[in-house]
PDB file of all heavy atoms in Angstrom:
ATOM      1  N   GLY A   1      -4.516 -16.061   7.871  1.00  0.00           N
ATOM      2  CA  GLY A   1      -3.740 -15.332   6.717  1.00  0.00           C
ATOM      3  C   GLY A   1      -2.833 -14.301   7.221  1.00  0.00           C
ATOM      4  O   GLY A   1      -2.350 -14.381   8.368  1.00  0.00           O
ATOM      5  N   TYR A   2      -2.344 -13.416   6.422  1.00  0.00           N
ATOM      6  CA  TYR A   2      -1.371 -12.388   6.766  1.00  0.00           C
ATOM      7  C   TYR A   2      -1.709 -11.061   6.282  1.00  0.00           C
ATOM      8  O   TYR A   2      -2.543 -10.846   5.445  1.00  0.00           O
ATOM      9  CB  TYR A   2      -0.051 -12.967   6.275  1.00  0.00           C
ATOM     10  CG  TYR A   2       0.053 -13.061   4.678  1.00  0.00           C
ATOM     11  CD1 TYR A   2       0.589 -11.999   3.945  1.00  0.00           C
ATOM     12  CD2 TYR A   2      -0.368 -14.216   3.986  1.00  0.00           C
ATOM     13  CE1 TYR A   2       0.605 -12.142   2.546  1.00  0.00           C
ATOM     14  CE2 TYR A   2      -0.320 -14.349   2.626  1.00  0.00           C
ATOM     15  CZ  TYR A   2       0.224 -13.340   1.907  1.00  0.00           C
ATOM     16  OH  TYR A   2       0.311 -13.333   0.561  1.00  0.00           O
ATOM     17  N   TYR A   3      -0.884 -10.091   6.673  1.00  0.00           N
ATOM     18  CA  TYR A   3      -0.885  -8.712   6.170  1.00  0.00           C
ATOM     19  C   TYR A   3       0.507  -8.331   5.793  1.00  0.00           C
ATOM     20  O   TYR A   3       1.366  -9.119   5.959  1.00  0.00           O
ATOM     21  CB  TYR A   3      -1.480  -7.696   7.246  1.00  0.00           C
ATOM     22  CG  TYR A   3      -0.564  -7.702   8.509  1.00  0.00           C
ATOM     23  CD1 TYR A   3       0.323  -6.718   8.649  1.00  0.00           C
ATOM     24  CD2 TYR A   3      -0.762  -8.687   9.510  1.00  0.00           C
ATOM     25  CE1 TYR A   3       0.977  -6.614   9.919  1.00  0.00           C
ATOM     26  CE2 TYR A   3      -0.110  -8.586  10.671  1.00  0.00           C
ATOM     27  CZ  TYR A   3       0.915  -7.547  10.944  1.00  0.00           C
ATOM     28  OH  TYR A   3       1.567  -7.502  11.993  1.00  0.00           O
ATOM     29  N   MET A   4       0.672  -7.108   5.134  1.00  0.00           N
ATOM     30  CA  MET A   4       2.027  -6.782   4.714  1.00  0.00           C
ATOM     31  C   MET A   4       2.576  -5.777   5.713  1.00  0.00           C
ATOM     32  O   MET A   4       1.806  -4.767   6.280  1.00  0.00           O
ATOM     33  CB  MET A   4       1.970  -6.197   3.342  1.00  0.00           C
ATOM     34  CG  MET A   4       1.622  -7.136   2.213  1.00  0.00           C
ATOM     35  SD  MET A   4       2.694  -8.559   2.134  1.00  0.00           S
ATOM     36  CE  MET A   4       4.033  -7.959   1.131  1.00  0.00           C
ATOM     37  N   ALA A   5       3.837  -5.795   6.167  1.00  0.00           N
ATOM     38  CA  ALA A   5       4.354  -5.099   7.190  1.00  0.00           C
ATOM     39  C   ALA A   5       5.851  -4.617   6.873  1.00  0.00           C
ATOM     40  O   ALA A   5       6.502  -5.372   6.149  1.00  0.00           O
ATOM     41  CB  ALA A   5       4.299  -5.741   8.412  1.00  0.00           C
ATOM     42  N   VAL A   6       6.217  -3.580   7.508  1.00  0.00           N
ATOM     43  CA  VAL A   6       7.607  -3.129   7.621  1.00  0.00           C
ATOM     44  C   VAL A   6       7.956  -2.929   8.973  1.00  0.00           C
ATOM     45  O   VAL A   6       7.402  -2.154   9.595  1.00  0.00           O
ATOM     46  CB  VAL A   6       7.868  -1.752   6.720  1.00  0.00           C
ATOM     47  CG1 VAL A   6       9.235  -1.301   6.959  1.00  0.00           C
ATOM     48  CG2 VAL A   6       7.410  -1.907   5.294  1.00  0.00           C
ATOM     49  N   PRO A   7       8.939  -3.792   9.581  1.00  0.00           N
ATOM     50  CA  PRO A   7       9.368  -3.732  10.915  1.00  0.00           C
ATOM     51  C   PRO A   7      10.140  -2.331  11.090  1.00  0.00           C
ATOM     52  O   PRO A   7      10.845  -1.960  10.234  1.00  0.00           O
ATOM     53  CB  PRO A   7      10.140  -4.805  11.228  1.00  0.00           C
ATOM     54  CG  PRO A   7      10.146  -5.859  10.073  1.00  0.00           C
ATOM     55  CD  PRO A   7       9.503  -4.969   8.955  1.00  0.00           C
ATOM     56  N   ALA A   8       9.986  -1.741  12.364  1.00  0.00           N
ATOM     57  CA  ALA A   8      10.658  -0.523  12.513  1.00  0.00           C
ATOM     58  C   ALA A   8      12.112  -0.518  12.369  1.00  0.00           C
ATOM     59  O   ALA A   8      12.811   0.481  12.033  1.00  0.00           O
ATOM     60  CB  ALA A   8      10.310   0.027  13.893  1.00  0.00           C
ATOM     61  N   PHE A   9      12.930  -1.614  12.595  1.00  0.00           N
ATOM     62  CA  PHE A   9      14.268  -1.564  12.613  1.00  0.00           C
ATOM     63  C   PHE A   9      14.876  -1.861  11.112  1.00  0.00           C
ATOM     64  O   PHE A   9      16.083  -1.866  11.015  1.00  0.00           O
ATOM     65  CB  PHE A   9      14.877  -2.759  13.460  1.00  0.00           C
ATOM     66  CG  PHE A   9      14.274  -4.213  13.104  1.00  0.00           C
ATOM     67  CD1 PHE A   9      14.782  -4.872  12.050  1.00  0.00           C
ATOM     68  CD2 PHE A   9      13.261  -4.667  13.837  1.00  0.00           C
ATOM     69  CE1 PHE A   9      14.220  -6.083  11.686  1.00  0.00           C
ATOM     70  CE2 PHE A   9      12.600  -5.898  13.529  1.00  0.00           C
ATOM     71  CZ  PHE A   9      13.221  -6.615  12.440  1.00  0.00           C
ATOM     72  N   VAL A  10      14.038  -2.038  10.093  1.00  0.00           N
ATOM     73  CA  VAL A  10      14.562  -2.164   8.768  1.00  0.00           C
ATOM     74  C   VAL A  10      15.125  -0.918   8.196  1.00  0.00           C
ATOM     75  O   VAL A  10      14.530   0.137   8.322  1.00  0.00           O
ATOM     76  CB  VAL A  10      13.410  -2.787   7.867  1.00  0.00           C
ATOM     77  CG1 VAL A  10      13.771  -2.694   6.343  1.00  0.00           C
ATOM     78  CG2 VAL A  10      13.071  -4.129   8.257  1.00  0.00           C
ATOM     79  N   GLY A  11      16.225  -0.951   7.575  1.00  0.00           N
ATOM     80  CA  GLY A  11      16.872   0.248   6.883  1.00  0.00           C
ATOM     81  C   GLY A  11      17.332   1.308   7.800  1.00  0.00           C
ATOM     82  O   GLY A  11      17.512   1.038   8.996  1.00  0.00           O
ATOM     83  N   HIS A  12      17.544   2.475   7.288  1.00  0.00           N
ATOM     84  CA  HIS A  12      17.963   3.586   8.014  1.00  0.00           C
ATOM     85  C   HIS A  12      17.004   4.788   7.972  1.00  0.00           C
ATOM     86  O   HIS A  12      15.972   4.641   7.137  1.00  0.00           O
ATOM     87  CB  HIS A  12      19.260   4.202   7.403  1.00  0.00           C
ATOM     88  CG  HIS A  12      20.350   3.075   7.239  1.00  0.00           C
ATOM     89  ND1 HIS A  12      21.092   2.781   8.378  1.00  0.00           N
ATOM     90  CD2 HIS A  12      20.869   2.469   6.293  1.00  0.00           C
ATOM     91  CE1 HIS A  12      21.995   1.869   7.929  1.00  0.00           C
ATOM     92  NE2 HIS A  12      21.754   1.627   6.686  1.00  0.00           N
ATOM     93  N   LYS A  13      17.054   5.706   8.885  1.00  0.00           N
ATOM     94  CA  LYS A  13      16.009   6.642   8.940  1.00  0.00           C
ATOM     95  C   LYS A  13      15.791   7.366   7.572  1.00  0.00           C
ATOM     96  O   LYS A  13      16.801   7.497   6.886  1.00  0.00           O
ATOM     97  CB  LYS A  13      16.542   7.831   9.940  1.00  0.00           C
ATOM     98  CG  LYS A  13      15.611   8.767  10.307  1.00  0.00           C
ATOM     99  CD  LYS A  13      16.118   9.824  11.386  1.00  0.00           C
ATOM    100  CE  LYS A  13      14.999  10.958  11.420  1.00  0.00           C
ATOM    101  NZ  LYS A  13      15.693  12.203  11.486  1.00  0.00           N
ATOM    102  N   LYS A  14      14.642   7.665   7.256  1.00  0.00           N
ATOM    103  CA  LYS A  14      14.259   8.268   5.931  1.00  0.00           C
ATOM    104  C   LYS A  14      14.265   7.238   4.764  1.00  0.00           C
ATOM    105  O   LYS A  14      13.881   7.593   3.672  1.00  0.00           O
ATOM    106  CB  LYS A  14      15.108   9.628   5.627  1.00  0.00           C
ATOM    107  CG  LYS A  14      14.990  10.629   6.670  1.00  0.00           C
ATOM    108  CD  LYS A  14      13.763  11.472   6.284  1.00  0.00           C
ATOM    109  CE  LYS A  14      13.702  12.641   7.120  1.00  0.00           C
ATOM    110  NZ  LYS A  14      12.440  13.290   7.309  1.00  0.00           N
ATOM    111  N   ASP A  15      14.650   6.068   4.851  1.00  0.00           N
ATOM    112  CA  ASP A  15      14.657   4.989   3.885  1.00  0.00           C
ATOM    113  C   ASP A  15      13.219   4.830   3.526  1.00  0.00           C
ATOM    114  O   ASP A  15      12.290   4.856   4.363  1.00  0.00           O
ATOM    115  CB  ASP A  15      15.308   3.687   4.261  1.00  0.00           C
ATOM    116  CG  ASP A  15      16.848   3.649   4.163  1.00  0.00           C
ATOM    117  OD1 ASP A  15      17.386   4.696   3.625  1.00  0.00           O
ATOM    118  OD2 ASP A  15      17.462   2.704   4.288  1.00  0.00           O
ATOM    119  N   MET A  16      12.883   4.346   2.300  1.00  0.00           N
ATOM    120  CA  MET A  16      11.570   4.088   1.793  1.00  0.00           C
ATOM    121  C   MET A  16      11.385   2.748   1.306  1.00  0.00           C
ATOM    122  O   MET A  16      12.292   2.203   0.709  1.00  0.00           O
ATOM    123  CB  MET A  16      11.262   5.027   0.572  1.00  0.00           C
ATOM    124  CG  MET A  16      11.403   6.529   0.834  1.00  0.00           C
ATOM    125  SD  MET A  16      10.110   7.255   1.794  1.00  0.00           S
ATOM    126  CE  MET A  16      10.670   8.977   1.698  1.00  0.00           C
ATOM    127  N   GLY A  17      10.165   2.271   1.639  1.00  0.00           N
ATOM    128  CA  GLY A  17       9.731   0.947   0.946  1.00  0.00           C
ATOM    129  C   GLY A  17       8.350   1.051   0.240  1.00  0.00           C
ATOM    130  O   GLY A  17       7.559   1.687   0.910  1.00  0.00           O
ATOM    131  N   ARG A  18       8.257   0.701  -0.970  1.00  0.00           N
ATOM    132  CA  ARG A  18       7.000   0.975  -1.746  1.00  0.00           C
ATOM    133  C   ARG A  18       6.470  -0.380  -2.202  1.00  0.00           C
ATOM    134  O   ARG A  18       7.107  -1.260  -2.670  1.00  0.00           O
ATOM    135  CB  ARG A  18       7.298   1.865  -2.869  1.00  0.00           C
ATOM    136  CG  ARG A  18       7.517   3.352  -2.404  1.00  0.00           C
ATOM    137  CD  ARG A  18       7.569   4.345  -3.563  1.00  0.00           C
ATOM    138  NE  ARG A  18       8.956   4.083  -4.250  1.00  0.00           N
ATOM    139  CZ  ARG A  18      10.009   4.798  -3.869  1.00  0.00           C
ATOM    140  NH1 ARG A  18       9.911   5.712  -2.751  1.00  0.00           N
ATOM    141  NH2 ARG A  18      11.121   4.617  -4.427  1.00  0.00           N
ATOM    142  N   LEU A  19       5.156  -0.531  -1.814  1.00  0.00           N
ATOM    143  CA  LEU A  19       4.352  -1.609  -2.398  1.00  0.00           C
ATOM    144  C   LEU A  19       3.309  -1.042  -3.353  1.00  0.00           C
ATOM    145  O   LEU A  19       2.655  -0.249  -2.965  1.00  0.00           O
ATOM    146  CB  LEU A  19       3.691  -2.373  -1.183  1.00  0.00           C
ATOM    147  CG  LEU A  19       3.013  -3.594  -1.362  1.00  0.00           C
ATOM    148  CD1 LEU A  19       3.998  -4.658  -1.852  1.00  0.00           C
ATOM    149  CD2 LEU A  19       2.457  -4.144  -0.101  1.00  0.00           C
ATOM    150  N   LYS A  20       3.280  -1.731  -4.518  1.00  0.00           N
ATOM    151  CA  LYS A  20       2.467  -1.092  -5.569  1.00  0.00           C
ATOM    152  C   LYS A  20       1.309  -2.050  -5.905  1.00  0.00           C
ATOM    153  O   LYS A  20       1.577  -3.254  -6.115  1.00  0.00           O
ATOM    154  CB  LYS A  20       3.398  -0.909  -6.895  1.00  0.00           C
ATOM    155  CG  LYS A  20       2.792   0.033  -7.839  1.00  0.00           C
ATOM    156  CD  LYS A  20       3.729   0.168  -9.013  1.00  0.00           C
ATOM    157  CE  LYS A  20       4.901   1.125  -8.794  1.00  0.00           C
ATOM    158  NZ  LYS A  20       5.605   1.391  -9.950  1.00  0.00           N
ATOM    159  N   LEU A  21       0.051  -1.552  -6.036  1.00  0.00           N
ATOM    160  CA  LEU A  21      -1.129  -2.214  -6.378  1.00  0.00           C
ATOM    161  C   LEU A  21      -1.334  -1.808  -7.826  1.00  0.00           C
ATOM    162  O   LEU A  21      -1.517  -0.644  -8.128  1.00  0.00           O
ATOM    163  CB  LEU A  21      -2.358  -1.879  -5.491  1.00  0.00           C
ATOM    164  CG  LEU A  21      -3.627  -2.378  -5.836  1.00  0.00           C
ATOM    165  CD1 LEU A  21      -3.713  -3.881  -5.961  1.00  0.00           C
ATOM    166  CD2 LEU A  21      -4.764  -1.808  -5.004  1.00  0.00           C
ATOM    167  N   LEU A  22      -1.172  -2.849  -8.744  1.00  0.00           N
ATOM    168  CA  LEU A  22      -1.500  -2.503 -10.062  1.00  0.00           C
ATOM    169  C   LEU A  22      -3.039  -2.638 -10.317  1.00  0.00           C
ATOM    170  O   LEU A  22      -3.594  -3.597 -10.110  1.00  0.00           O
ATOM    171  CB  LEU A  22      -0.709  -3.506 -11.008  1.00  0.00           C
ATOM    172  CG  LEU A  22       0.704  -3.553 -10.728  1.00  0.00           C
ATOM    173  CD1 LEU A  22       1.568  -4.574 -11.609  1.00  0.00           C
ATOM    174  CD2 LEU A  22       1.444  -2.154 -11.057  1.00  0.00           C
ATOM    175  N   LEU A  23      -3.632  -1.710 -10.956  1.00  0.00           N
ATOM    176  CA  LEU A  23      -4.957  -1.620 -11.250  1.00  0.00           C
ATOM    177  C   LEU A  23      -5.208  -1.735 -12.708  1.00  0.00           C
ATOM    178  O   LEU A  23      -4.658  -1.004 -13.512  1.00  0.00           O
ATOM    179  CB  LEU A  23      -5.638  -0.333 -10.854  1.00  0.00           C
ATOM    180  CG  LEU A  23      -5.431   0.029  -9.301  1.00  0.00           C
ATOM    181  CD1 LEU A  23      -6.001   1.378  -9.063  1.00  0.00           C
ATOM    182  CD2 LEU A  23      -6.182  -1.022  -8.488  1.00  0.00           C
ATOM    183  N   THR A  24      -5.970  -2.682 -13.134  1.00  0.00           N
ATOM    184  CA  THR A  24      -6.313  -2.813 -14.563  1.00  0.00           C
ATOM    185  C   THR A  24      -7.852  -2.792 -14.627  1.00  0.00           C
ATOM    186  O   THR A  24      -8.601  -3.096 -13.611  1.00  0.00           O
ATOM    187  CB  THR A  24      -5.775  -4.173 -15.127  1.00  0.00           C
ATOM    188  OG1 THR A  24      -6.118  -5.275 -14.228  1.00  0.00           O
ATOM    189  CG2 THR A  24      -4.275  -4.191 -15.266  1.00  0.00           C
ATOM    190  N   ASP A  25      -8.317  -2.486 -15.793  1.00  0.00           N
ATOM    191  CA  ASP A  25      -9.819  -2.549 -16.042  1.00  0.00           C
ATOM    192  C   ASP A  25     -10.709  -1.572 -15.182  1.00  0.00           C
ATOM    193  O   ASP A  25     -11.763  -1.857 -15.005  1.00  0.00           O
ATOM    194  CB  ASP A  25     -10.355  -3.982 -15.713  1.00  0.00           C
ATOM    195  CG  ASP A  25      -9.601  -5.099 -16.388  1.00  0.00           C
ATOM    196  OD1 ASP A  25      -9.135  -4.778 -17.609  1.00  0.00           O
ATOM    197  OD2 ASP A  25      -9.535  -6.236 -15.904  1.00  0.00           O
ATOM    198  N   LEU A  26     -10.031  -0.430 -14.797  1.00  0.00           N
ATOM    199  CA  LEU A  26     -10.872   0.540 -14.129  1.00  0.00           C
ATOM    200  C   LEU A  26     -11.485   1.291 -15.186  1.00  0.00           C
ATOM    201  O   LEU A  26     -10.668   1.702 -16.146  1.00  0.00           O
ATOM    202  CB  LEU A  26      -9.998   1.447 -13.250  1.00  0.00           C
ATOM    203  CG  LEU A  26      -9.444   0.850 -11.952  1.00  0.00           C
ATOM    204  CD1 LEU A  26      -8.980   1.995 -10.968  1.00  0.00           C
ATOM    205  CD2 LEU A  26     -10.490   0.008 -11.273  1.00  0.00           C
ATOM    206  N   LYS A  27     -12.749   1.759 -15.156  1.00  0.00           N
ATOM    207  CA  LYS A  27     -13.360   2.330 -16.209  1.00  0.00           C
ATOM    208  C   LYS A  27     -12.969   3.853 -16.172  1.00  0.00           C
ATOM    209  O   LYS A  27     -13.085   4.412 -15.078  1.00  0.00           O
ATOM    210  CB  LYS A  27     -14.931   2.259 -16.178  1.00  0.00           C
ATOM    211  CG  LYS A  27     -15.327   0.766 -16.308  1.00  0.00           C
ATOM    212  CD  LYS A  27     -16.863   0.789 -16.288  1.00  0.00           C
ATOM    213  CE  LYS A  27     -17.501  -0.483 -16.026  1.00  0.00           C
ATOM    214  NZ  LYS A  27     -17.430  -0.918 -14.598  1.00  0.00           N
ATOM    215  N   PRO A  28     -12.772   4.479 -17.353  1.00  0.00           N
ATOM    216  CA  PRO A  28     -12.475   5.917 -17.321  1.00  0.00           C
ATOM    217  C   PRO A  28     -13.750   6.692 -16.970  1.00  0.00           C
ATOM    218  O   PRO A  28     -14.913   6.156 -16.985  1.00  0.00           O
ATOM    219  CB  PRO A  28     -12.175   6.275 -18.815  1.00  0.00           C
ATOM    220  CG  PRO A  28     -11.881   4.908 -19.443  1.00  0.00           C
ATOM    221  CD  PRO A  28     -12.567   3.841 -18.618  1.00  0.00           C
ATOM    222  N   LYS A  29     -13.604   7.898 -16.441  1.00  0.00           N
ATOM    223  CA  LYS A  29     -14.700   8.714 -16.080  1.00  0.00           C
ATOM    224  C   LYS A  29     -15.618   7.997 -15.003  1.00  0.00           C
ATOM    225  O   LYS A  29     -16.879   8.235 -14.999  1.00  0.00           O
ATOM    226  CB  LYS A  29     -15.579   9.159 -17.168  1.00  0.00           C
ATOM    227  CG  LYS A  29     -14.721  10.057 -18.228  1.00  0.00           C
ATOM    228  CD  LYS A  29     -15.508  10.682 -19.206  1.00  0.00           C
ATOM    229  CE  LYS A  29     -14.932  11.687 -20.082  1.00  0.00           C
ATOM    230  NZ  LYS A  29     -13.671  11.309 -20.786  1.00  0.00           N
ATOM    231  N   SER A  30     -15.051   7.311 -14.050  1.00  0.00           N
ATOM    232  CA  SER A  30     -15.909   6.816 -12.853  1.00  0.00           C
ATOM    233  C   SER A  30     -15.091   6.952 -11.601  1.00  0.00           C
ATOM    234  O   SER A  30     -13.934   7.269 -11.609  1.00  0.00           O
ATOM    235  CB  SER A  30     -16.283   5.347 -13.190  1.00  0.00           C
ATOM    236  OG  SER A  30     -15.231   4.673 -13.885  1.00  0.00           O
ATOM    237  N   SER A  31     -15.835   6.708 -10.528  1.00  0.00           N
ATOM    238  CA  SER A  31     -15.167   6.961  -9.264  1.00  0.00           C
ATOM    239  C   SER A  31     -15.016   5.587  -8.465  1.00  0.00           C
ATOM    240  O   SER A  31     -15.955   4.719  -8.616  1.00  0.00           O
ATOM    241  CB  SER A  31     -15.876   8.064  -8.487  1.00  0.00           C
ATOM    242  OG  SER A  31     -17.125   7.790  -8.427  1.00  0.00           O
ATOM    243  N   TYR A  32     -14.037   5.479  -7.703  1.00  0.00           N
ATOM    244  CA  TYR A  32     -13.899   4.254  -6.997  1.00  0.00           C
ATOM    245  C   TYR A  32     -13.455   4.642  -5.546  1.00  0.00           C
ATOM    246  O   TYR A  32     -12.947   5.730  -5.290  1.00  0.00           O
ATOM    247  CB  TYR A  32     -12.733   3.423  -7.552  1.00  0.00           C
ATOM    248  CG  TYR A  32     -13.106   2.792  -8.847  1.00  0.00           C
ATOM    249  CD1 TYR A  32     -12.802   3.555 -10.037  1.00  0.00           C
ATOM    250  CD2 TYR A  32     -13.705   1.608  -9.033  1.00  0.00           C
ATOM    251  CE1 TYR A  32     -13.127   2.971 -11.296  1.00  0.00           C
ATOM    252  CE2 TYR A  32     -14.052   1.100 -10.219  1.00  0.00           C
ATOM    253  CZ  TYR A  32     -13.622   1.792 -11.287  1.00  0.00           C
ATOM    254  OH  TYR A  32     -14.097   1.258 -12.577  1.00  0.00           O
ATOM    255  N   CYS A  33     -13.605   3.746  -4.625  1.00  0.00           N
ATOM    256  CA  CYS A  33     -13.169   4.049  -3.269  1.00  0.00           C
ATOM    257  C   CYS A  33     -12.208   2.946  -2.908  1.00  0.00           C
ATOM    258  O   CYS A  33     -12.467   1.688  -3.055  1.00  0.00           O
ATOM    259  CB  CYS A  33     -14.375   3.990  -2.310  1.00  0.00           C
ATOM    260  SG  CYS A  33     -13.811   4.172  -0.540  1.00  0.00           S
ATOM    261  N   LEU A  34     -10.948   3.260  -2.396  1.00  0.00           N
ATOM    262  CA  LEU A  34     -10.075   2.347  -1.953  1.00  0.00           C
ATOM    263  C   LEU A  34     -10.195   2.352  -0.330  1.00  0.00           C
ATOM    264  O   LEU A  34      -9.982   3.436   0.274  1.00  0.00           O
ATOM    265  CB  LEU A  34      -8.527   2.792  -2.347  1.00  0.00           C
ATOM    266  CG  LEU A  34      -7.450   1.856  -1.901  1.00  0.00           C
ATOM    267  CD1 LEU A  34      -7.563   0.620  -2.830  1.00  0.00           C
ATOM    268  CD2 LEU A  34      -6.103   2.497  -2.130  1.00  0.00           C
ATOM    269  N   ILE A  35     -10.433   1.177   0.219  1.00  0.00           N
ATOM    270  CA  ILE A  35     -10.585   1.110   1.626  1.00  0.00           C
ATOM    271  C   ILE A  35      -9.502   0.137   2.103  1.00  0.00           C
ATOM    272  O   ILE A  35      -9.361  -0.900   1.506  1.00  0.00           O
ATOM    273  CB  ILE A  35     -11.920   0.605   2.066  1.00  0.00           C
ATOM    274  CG1 ILE A  35     -13.024   1.603   1.552  1.00  0.00           C
ATOM    275  CG2 ILE A  35     -12.024   0.464   3.564  1.00  0.00           C
ATOM    276  CD1 ILE A  35     -14.413   1.182   1.819  1.00  0.00           C
ATOM    277  N   PHE A  36      -8.798   0.538   3.161  1.00  0.00           N
ATOM    278  CA  PHE A  36      -7.723  -0.503   3.754  1.00  0.00           C
ATOM    279  C   PHE A  36      -7.524  -0.247   5.271  1.00  0.00           C
ATOM    280  O   PHE A  36      -7.964   0.786   5.802  1.00  0.00           O
ATOM    281  CB  PHE A  36      -6.387  -0.029   2.961  1.00  0.00           C
ATOM    282  CG  PHE A  36      -5.919   1.323   3.072  1.00  0.00           C
ATOM    283  CD1 PHE A  36      -5.049   1.728   4.157  1.00  0.00           C
ATOM    284  CD2 PHE A  36      -6.406   2.306   2.244  1.00  0.00           C
ATOM    285  CE1 PHE A  36      -4.595   3.044   4.336  1.00  0.00           C
ATOM    286  CE2 PHE A  36      -6.080   3.571   2.491  1.00  0.00           C
ATOM    287  CZ  PHE A  36      -5.151   4.094   3.412  1.00  0.00           C
ATOM    288  N   SER A  37      -6.953  -1.199   5.844  1.00  0.00           N
ATOM    289  CA  SER A  37      -6.645  -1.242   7.244  1.00  0.00           C
ATOM    290  C   SER A  37      -5.202  -0.925   7.311  1.00  0.00           C
ATOM    291  O   SER A  37      -4.519  -1.448   6.540  1.00  0.00           O
ATOM    292  CB  SER A  37      -6.986  -2.633   7.872  1.00  0.00           C
ATOM    293  OG  SER A  37      -8.308  -2.882   7.808  1.00  0.00           O
ATOM    294  N   TYR A  38      -4.907  -0.076   8.409  1.00  0.00           N
ATOM    295  CA  TYR A  38      -3.455   0.122   8.552  1.00  0.00           C
ATOM    296  C   TYR A  38      -3.160   0.274  10.069  1.00  0.00           C
ATOM    297  O   TYR A  38      -4.072   0.517  10.796  1.00  0.00           O
ATOM    298  CB  TYR A  38      -3.129   1.440   7.770  1.00  0.00           C
ATOM    299  CG  TYR A  38      -3.697   2.714   8.481  1.00  0.00           C
ATOM    300  CD1 TYR A  38      -3.070   3.486   9.370  1.00  0.00           C
ATOM    301  CD2 TYR A  38      -4.990   3.138   8.071  1.00  0.00           C
ATOM    302  CE1 TYR A  38      -3.592   4.599   9.942  1.00  0.00           C
ATOM    303  CE2 TYR A  38      -5.565   4.285   8.692  1.00  0.00           C
ATOM    304  CZ  TYR A  38      -4.881   4.969   9.557  1.00  0.00           C
ATOM    305  OH  TYR A  38      -5.463   6.015  10.213  1.00  0.00           O
ATOM    306  N   ARG A  39      -1.850   0.159  10.350  1.00  0.00           N
ATOM    307  CA  ARG A  39      -1.377   0.224  11.678  1.00  0.00           C
ATOM    308  C   ARG A  39       0.006   0.814  11.764  1.00  0.00           C
ATOM    309  O   ARG A  39       0.788   0.454  10.966  1.00  0.00           O
ATOM    310  CB  ARG A  39      -1.450  -1.074  12.336  1.00  0.00           C
ATOM    311  CG  ARG A  39      -1.003  -1.104  13.863  1.00  0.00           C
ATOM    312  CD  ARG A  39      -1.384  -2.412  14.464  1.00  0.00           C
ATOM    313  NE  ARG A  39      -0.277  -3.324  14.066  1.00  0.00           N
ATOM    314  CZ  ARG A  39      -0.050  -4.451  14.848  1.00  0.00           C
ATOM    315  NH1 ARG A  39      -0.849  -4.875  15.810  1.00  0.00           N
ATOM    316  NH2 ARG A  39       0.903  -5.289  14.498  1.00  0.00           N
ATOM    317  N   LEU A  40       0.110   1.800  12.541  1.00  0.00           N
ATOM    318  CA  LEU A  40       1.402   2.441  12.853  1.00  0.00           C
ATOM    319  C   LEU A  40       1.701   2.077  14.306  1.00  0.00           C
ATOM    320  O   LEU A  40       1.256   2.785  15.181  1.00  0.00           O
ATOM    321  CB  LEU A  40       1.492   3.900  12.631  1.00  0.00           C
ATOM    322  CG  LEU A  40       1.380   4.212  11.141  1.00  0.00           C
ATOM    323  CD1 LEU A  40       0.419   5.351  10.887  1.00  0.00           C
ATOM    324  CD2 LEU A  40       2.621   4.459  10.546  1.00  0.00           C
TER     325      LEU A  40
END
């Protein structure tokens, strides 16, 4: 499989890239934990 990445040479210094995870069906007044792997 694959992961999502931004290579260091993309864009200019201080440029931003945003990836959005849309959450539906989360119950109000409850707690969740988001766990993820990351690499810099």
